[in-house]
Amino acid sequence: MTRFGDRLNEEWSTAVNEISNELKTKNISGLVFDLRNNPGGYLDGSVYIASEFLRNGKVVSQQNSDGSVQNYDVNRLGRFLDIPMVVIINKGSASASEIVAEH
């Protein structure tokens, strides 16, 4: 994944459908999620992607300048809840990609 942009949900759904088909037809024991040099992007994109791998709970909290806190929870039932996965990041991974990698 190269960034968390405007077409993220659409592009992700297409990729997940392809990966899901491969998981059904081939002997795949895990996934590698490459977020190297991903500068991030939209916060809601990180919640959407993290929700693919988490059953429930808080994905991230945002503290505003007035001290109020906004929690962002898992927002859907993901399709990769039970498959082992390795996430790759580097010094070019930031923002939304760090949120996803944390989980």
Protein backbone atom coordinates (compact mmCIF):
# COMPACT_ATOMS: atom_id res chain seq x y z
CA MET A 1 0.00 0.00 0.00
CA THR A 2 1.52 3.31 -1.03
CA ARG A 3 -0.80 5.81 0.67
CA PHE A 4 -4.13 6.32 2.43
CA GLY A 5 -5.85 8.47 -0.19
CA ASP A 6 -9.24 9.25 -1.70
CA ARG A 7 -9.74 5.89 -3.41
CA LEU A 8 -8.48 3.78 -0.52
CA ASN A 9 -11.72 1.94 0.30
CA GLU A 10 -12.38 1.02 -3.34
CA GLU A 11 -8.79 -0.05 -4.04
CA TRP A 12 -8.56 -1.97 -0.77
CA SER A 13 -11.82 -3.85 -1.43
CA THR A 14 -10.55 -4.92 -4.84
CA ALA A 15 -7.25 -6.12 -3.39
CA VAL A 16 -8.94 -7.95 -0.49
CA ASN A 17 -11.27 -9.76 -2.90
CA GLU A 18 -8.28 -10.92 -4.94
CA ILE A 19 -6.34 -11.98 -1.85
CA SER A 20 -9.37 -13.79 -0.41
CA ASN A 21 -9.72 -15.79 -3.63
CA GLU A 22 -6.03 -16.73 -3.47
CA LEU A 23 -6.38 -17.81 0.16
CA LYS A 24 -9.20 -20.17 -0.83
CA THR A 25 -7.41 -21.77 -3.77
CA LYS A 26 -3.76 -21.89 -2.69
CA ASN A 27 -1.86 -23.08 0.35
CA ILE A 28 -1.02 -19.67 1.84
CA SER A 29 0.02 -19.61 5.47
CA GLY A 30 0.20 -15.85 6.04
CA LEU A 31 0.33 -12.36 4.59
CA VAL A 32 2.96 -9.65 4.35
CA PHE A 33 1.59 -6.09 4.53
CA ASP A 34 4.18 -3.67 3.15
CA LEU A 35 3.80 -0.11 4.46
CA ARG A 36 7.37 1.00 3.77
CA ASN A 37 7.61 4.61 2.58
CA ASN A 38 3.86 5.08 3.05
CA PRO A 39 3.47 8.71 4.16
CA GLY A 40 -0.01 8.06 5.52
CA GLY A 41 -3.08 10.06 4.67
CA TYR A 42 -6.61 10.18 5.97
CA LEU A 43 -7.31 9.12 9.55
CA ASP A 44 -10.56 7.41 8.57
CA GLY A 45 -8.57 5.35 6.08
CA SER A 46 -6.36 4.01 8.85
CA VAL A 47 -9.46 3.01 10.84
CA TYR A 48 -10.97 1.32 7.78
CA ILE A 49 -7.81 -0.69 7.07
CA ALA A 50 -7.10 -1.58 10.71
CA SER A 51 -10.69 -2.82 10.99
CA GLU A 52 -9.80 -5.50 8.44
CA PHE A 53 -7.57 -7.16 11.03
CA LEU A 54 -9.29 -6.43 14.38
CA ARG A 55 -12.47 -7.92 15.81
CA ASN A 56 -13.43 -4.93 17.95
CA GLY A 57 -12.14 -2.15 20.15
CA LYS A 58 -10.43 1.17 19.74
CA VAL A 59 -8.15 1.70 16.75
CA VAL A 60 -6.90 5.17 17.69
CA SER A 61 -7.75 8.23 19.81
CA GLN A 62 -7.35 11.83 18.76
CA GLN A 63 -6.87 14.53 21.37
CA ASN A 64 -8.01 17.95 20.20
CA SER A 65 -6.52 21.30 21.20
CA ASP A 66 -9.44 21.91 23.59
CA GLY A 67 -8.57 18.71 25.45
CA SER A 68 -11.50 16.70 24.13
CA VAL A 69 -10.80 13.18 22.93
CA GLN A 70 -12.31 11.49 19.89
CA ASN A 71 -12.08 7.67 19.86
CA TYR A 72 -12.15 5.78 16.57
CA ASP A 73 -13.30 2.17 16.96
CA VAL A 74 -13.27 -0.83 14.65
CA ASN A 75 -16.04 0.01 12.20
CA ARG A 76 -16.75 -3.22 10.35
CA LEU A 77 -16.18 -6.96 10.29
CA GLY A 78 -12.82 -7.60 8.69
CA ARG A 79 -11.93 -10.49 6.44
CA PHE A 80 -8.38 -11.10 7.70
CA LEU A 81 -9.06 -11.78 11.35
CA ASP A 82 -7.48 -15.22 11.61
CA ILE A 83 -4.55 -15.28 9.19
CA PRO A 84 -1.00 -14.65 10.42
CA MET A 85 0.50 -11.44 9.12
CA VAL A 86 3.76 -9.52 9.17
CA VAL A 87 3.72 -5.74 8.71
CA ILE A 88 6.79 -4.05 7.26
CA ILE A 89 7.49 -0.37 7.99
CA ASN A 90 10.51 1.91 7.76
CA LYS A 91 11.48 5.51 8.51
CA GLY A 92 9.33 6.61 5.56
CA SER A 93 6.18 5.13 7.12
CA ALA A 94 4.12 7.79 8.88
CA SER A 95 0.72 8.89 10.05
CA ALA A 96 -2.04 6.48 9.01
CA SER A 97 0.43 3.72 8.17
CA GLU A 98 1.83 3.92 11.72
CA ILE A 99 -1.68 3.57 13.15
CA VAL A 100 -2.31 0.43 11.10
CA ALA A 101 1.12 -1.03 11.85
CA GLU A 102 0.58 -0.59 15.58
CA HIS A 103 -2.27 -3.07 15.50
